[in-house]
Protein backbone atom coordinates (compact mmCIF):
# COMPACT_ATOMS: atom_id res chain seq x y z
CA MET A 1 104.37 114.60 74.56
CA ILE A 2 104.65 115.23 70.84
CA GLY A 3 105.70 118.35 68.97
CA GLU A 4 108.44 120.09 67.02
CA PHE A 5 110.72 123.10 66.75
CA LYS A 6 109.81 126.08 64.59
CA ASN A 7 111.68 129.38 64.35
CA GLY A 8 113.92 128.48 67.28
CA ARG A 9 111.08 127.52 69.62
CA GLY A 10 109.95 124.01 70.54
CA GLU A 11 106.37 123.21 71.58
CA PHE A 12 105.14 119.80 72.72
CA PHE A 13 101.60 118.83 73.76
CA ASP A 14 99.60 116.03 75.28
CA GLN A 15 96.35 115.40 77.17
CA GLU A 16 96.48 114.27 80.81
CA GLU A 17 94.25 113.85 83.83
CA PHE A 18 94.60 116.41 86.63
CA ASN A 19 92.32 116.48 89.71
CA SER A 20 90.02 114.02 87.90
CA ARG A 21 89.67 116.40 84.90
CA MET A 22 91.20 116.04 81.47
CA ILE A 23 93.51 118.94 80.65
CA LEU A 24 95.96 119.95 77.94
CA VAL A 25 99.66 120.14 78.77
CA ARG A 26 102.19 122.23 76.88
CA ASN A 27 105.98 122.10 77.21
CA GLY A 28 107.95 124.89 75.58
CA PHE A 29 111.64 125.47 74.87
CA SER A 30 112.60 129.06 74.08
CA ASP A 31 115.25 131.77 74.39
CA ILE A 32 117.76 129.30 72.98
CA THR A 33 121.36 130.46 72.69
CA PRO A 34 124.63 128.49 72.61
CA ASN A 35 124.93 128.95 76.36
CA SER A 36 121.40 129.30 77.71
CA SER A 37 117.78 128.27 77.22
CA ARG A 38 114.39 128.33 78.95
CA PHE A 39 111.91 125.53 79.61
CA GLU A 40 108.28 126.17 80.56
CA GLN A 41 105.32 123.89 81.29
CA ALA A 42 101.72 125.11 81.27
CA PHE A 43 98.25 123.61 81.79
CA SER A 44 94.96 124.49 80.09
CA ASP A 45 91.47 123.36 81.15
CA ASP A 46 89.59 125.27 78.44
CA GLY A 47 90.85 123.55 75.33
CA GLY A 48 93.92 125.72 74.91
CA LYS A 49 92.22 129.12 75.01
CA THR A 50 94.18 130.08 78.11
CA TRP A 51 97.29 128.58 79.70
CA GLU A 52 98.61 128.69 83.27
CA THR A 53 102.37 128.25 83.66
CA ASN A 54 103.38 125.91 86.51
CA TRP A 55 107.01 125.05 85.82
CA VAL A 56 109.86 127.28 84.65
CA MET A 57 113.52 126.34 84.30
CA THR A 58 116.42 128.35 82.91
CA PHE A 59 119.64 126.68 81.83
CA LYS A 60 123.13 128.13 81.65
CA ARG A 61 126.01 126.10 80.24
CA GLN A 62 128.69 125.31 82.82
CA GLU A 63 132.23 126.31 82.06
CA SER A 64 133.52 123.23 83.84
CA SER A 65 131.84 119.82 84.18
CA GLU A 66 134.07 118.65 87.02
CA GLN A 67 131.42 117.42 89.38
CA GLN A 68 131.65 114.33 91.53
CA THR A 69 129.01 112.26 93.20
CA ALA A 70 129.32 112.51 96.97
CA SER A 71 128.51 108.87 97.62
CA GLU A 72 127.71 105.68 95.74
CA PRO A 73 124.37 104.14 96.79
CA ASP A 74 125.19 100.61 95.60
CA ARG A 75 127.37 98.69 93.19
CA ALA A 76 124.48 97.71 90.90
CA GLN A 77 124.28 101.25 89.51
CA HIS A 78 127.57 100.50 87.71
CA ASP A 79 126.46 97.18 86.20
CA PHE A 80 126.83 98.52 82.66
CA ASP A 81 130.22 100.18 83.12
CA PHE A 82 131.81 97.23 81.30
CA HIS A 83 130.08 98.33 78.09
CA ILE A 84 131.25 101.94 77.99
CA GLY A 85 133.30 102.60 74.86
CA THR A 86 133.36 101.79 71.15
CA TRP A 87 132.73 98.27 69.84
CA LYS A 88 132.61 96.33 66.60
CA THR A 89 129.22 94.62 66.43
CA HIS A 90 128.18 91.50 64.53
CA LEU A 91 124.39 91.24 64.47
CA ARG A 92 122.05 88.41 63.44
CA ARG A 93 118.29 89.02 63.27
CA ARG A 94 115.45 86.57 62.60
CA LEU A 95 113.17 88.20 60.04
CA HIS A 96 109.85 86.58 61.03
CA PRO A 97 109.78 85.61 64.72
CA LEU A 98 107.28 83.04 66.01
CA THR A 99 106.11 82.05 62.53
CA GLY A 100 108.17 78.89 62.10
CA SER A 101 110.56 80.74 59.80
CA ASN A 102 114.30 80.27 60.24
CA THR A 103 115.36 83.07 57.89
CA TRP A 104 118.07 85.27 59.36
CA VAL A 105 119.90 88.36 58.13
CA GLU A 106 123.32 89.54 59.28
CA TYR A 107 124.80 92.99 59.82
CA GLU A 108 128.22 94.41 60.62
CA GLY A 109 128.43 97.67 62.46
CA THR A 110 129.67 99.87 65.29
CA THR A 111 128.28 100.39 68.77
CA VAL A 112 129.15 103.44 70.86
CA VAL A 113 128.17 103.49 74.54
CA ARG A 114 128.33 106.67 76.62
CA LYS A 115 128.00 106.95 80.38
CA VAL A 116 125.29 109.23 81.81
CA TRP A 117 124.63 110.22 85.44
CA ASP A 118 127.97 108.76 86.58
CA GLY A 119 126.93 105.30 85.42
CA ARG A 120 123.31 105.28 86.61
CA ALA A 121 122.30 105.52 82.96
CA ASN A 122 123.95 105.04 79.61
CA LEU A 123 123.17 105.69 75.97
CA VAL A 124 123.90 103.11 73.27
CA GLU A 125 124.11 104.02 69.57
CA LEU A 126 124.27 101.15 67.06
CA THR A 127 124.85 101.67 63.34
CA ALA A 128 125.01 98.60 61.10
CA ASP A 129 124.71 97.52 57.48
CA GLY A 130 123.90 94.21 55.82
CA PRO A 131 121.91 92.52 53.03
CA ALA A 132 118.68 93.72 54.67
CA GLY A 133 119.83 97.33 54.49
CA HIS A 134 121.00 100.03 56.87
CA PHE A 135 120.08 99.90 60.55
CA GLU A 136 120.33 102.55 63.27
CA GLY A 137 119.25 101.81 66.81
CA LEU A 138 119.42 103.59 70.15
CA ASN A 139 119.22 102.11 73.63
CA LEU A 140 118.62 104.12 76.77
CA ARG A 141 119.41 102.14 79.93
CA LEU A 142 118.18 103.59 83.23
CA TYR A 143 118.93 102.42 86.78
CA ASN A 144 116.22 102.42 89.47
CA PRO A 145 117.94 102.79 92.87
CA ASN A 146 114.79 101.72 94.72
CA SER A 147 114.35 98.35 93.01
CA HIS A 148 118.06 97.96 92.10
CA GLN A 149 116.93 97.07 88.59
CA TRP A 150 117.55 98.44 85.11
CA SER A 151 115.15 99.33 82.34
CA VAL A 152 116.35 98.89 78.76
CA ASN A 153 114.53 101.22 76.34
CA PHE A 154 115.06 100.76 72.59
CA ALA A 155 114.31 103.02 69.63
CA ASN A 156 114.73 102.51 65.88
CA ALA A 157 115.79 105.54 63.84
CA ASN A 158 113.03 104.74 61.34
CA ASP A 159 110.31 105.89 63.74
CA GLY A 160 112.12 107.57 66.65
CA ILE A 161 109.83 106.00 69.27
CA LEU A 162 111.05 104.34 72.47
CA THR A 163 109.58 100.87 72.81
CA GLN A 164 108.23 99.43 76.03
CA PRO A 165 111.24 98.73 78.26
CA THR A 166 112.51 95.36 79.35
CA ILE A 167 113.31 95.40 83.08
CA GLY A 168 115.72 93.25 85.05
CA GLU A 169 119.10 92.96 86.74
CA PHE A 170 122.50 91.30 86.74
CA LYS A 171 123.29 88.19 88.77
CA ASN A 172 126.58 86.29 88.69
CA GLY A 173 127.81 88.24 85.67
CA ARG A 174 124.65 87.66 83.59
CA GLY A 175 121.89 90.19 82.91
CA GLU A 176 118.28 89.16 82.27
CA PHE A 177 115.51 91.60 81.36
CA PHE A 178 111.82 90.88 80.64
CA ASP A 179 108.60 92.50 79.49
CA GLU A 180 105.26 91.70 77.89
CA GLU A 181 104.53 93.02 74.40
CA THR A 182 102.21 92.43 71.45
CA LEU A 183 103.33 90.69 68.26
CA ASN A 184 100.95 90.11 65.36
CA GLY A 185 98.01 90.85 67.66
CA ARG A 186 99.09 88.35 70.33
CA ALA A 187 100.56 89.01 73.76
CA ILE A 188 104.05 87.57 74.08
CA LEU A 189 106.89 87.61 76.60
CA VAL A 190 110.22 89.19 75.68
CA ARG A 191 113.54 88.21 77.26
CA PHE A 192 116.81 90.09 76.74
CA VAL A 193 120.00 88.43 77.99
CA ILE A 194 123.52 89.85 78.34
CA SER A 195 126.21 87.21 78.84
CA ASP A 196 129.80 86.12 78.13
CA ILE A 197 131.05 89.44 79.51
CA THR A 198 134.81 90.03 79.35
CA PRO A 199 136.80 93.30 79.29
CA ASN A 200 136.82 93.17 75.48
CA SER A 201 133.71 91.25 74.41
CA CYS A 202 130.08 90.52 75.31
CA ARG A 203 126.95 88.91 73.86
CA PHE A 204 123.34 90.15 73.61
CA GLU A 205 120.41 87.86 72.87
CA GLN A 206 116.69 88.59 72.53
CA SER A 207 114.03 85.86 72.60
CA PHE A 208 110.23 85.72 72.32
CA SER A 209 107.80 83.31 74.00
CA ASP A 210 104.13 82.85 73.13
CA ASP A 211 103.49 80.11 75.70
CA GLY A 212 104.07 81.99 78.93
CA GLY A 213 107.81 81.38 79.07
CA LYS A 214 107.75 77.58 78.68
CA THR A 215 109.75 77.85 75.46
CA TRP A 216 111.77 80.69 73.95
CA GLU A 217 112.70 81.44 70.34
CA VAL A 218 115.84 83.53 69.81
CA ASN A 219 115.43 86.32 67.23
CA TRP A 220 118.34 88.70 67.87
CA ILE A 221 122.01 87.91 68.56
CA ALA A 222 124.69 90.58 68.78
CA THR A 223 128.31 90.07 69.72
CA ASP A 224 130.43 93.10 70.58
CA THR A 225 134.22 93.20 70.39
CA ARG A 226 136.00 96.24 71.79
CA GLU A 227 137.83 98.24 69.15
CA GLU A 228 141.60 98.29 69.48
CA ASN A 229 143.37 101.47 70.56
CA ARG A 230 140.24 102.74 72.30
CA GLU A 231 141.23 101.83 75.85
CA SER A 232 140.43 105.37 76.99
CA ASP A 233 136.75 104.67 76.26
CA LYS A 234 136.51 102.36 79.24
CA SER A 235 137.27 105.11 81.73
CA SER A 236 135.37 107.95 80.06
């Protein structure tokens, strides 16, 4: 759904299929105050002339956030707990993947990782600078308790769009995540690997394959080192 806020009200629209008919969908955010807001979803089957509301939520800010999960479904939902906190990041990026080019650029930056849903999700914010310019990235990692797998969803601040997620899991202290994407008009495989995990460091590596996974070309390497005097981050 795509839209914007105007005069304190947000409206977002898309077109979907409902009961085999194409309809318009509208999501609205209104009545926004520092401590409350309203969300409303509505459908229209006449091109937006009339709308029927089908979902209404009202939010009130809690005075206390001291809530605990009654039970823990499985240990895998905490796979990314090691990464919670603030890190110094050294990043290397191949400028032209799968072209035969070996030109890389390097960045130095900071990564901040925040726990969401008691560890079943987390939000990663990376800010870095280098010869190729300024870079801001966001990663939303979501745990699926049914498959016991994670999806890793990335967005660049330049366009604000979440890319297709890589999906995978951790085994023996190593995480591997895969998906299929398009690069230069060709379908390729994408592999994202998390390895060398210690309490104060870890490594991230992205690779592409255009031969069905027979060979892989690395195009992204990031090493994180936990910032000193930020031990409290690990338990937040």
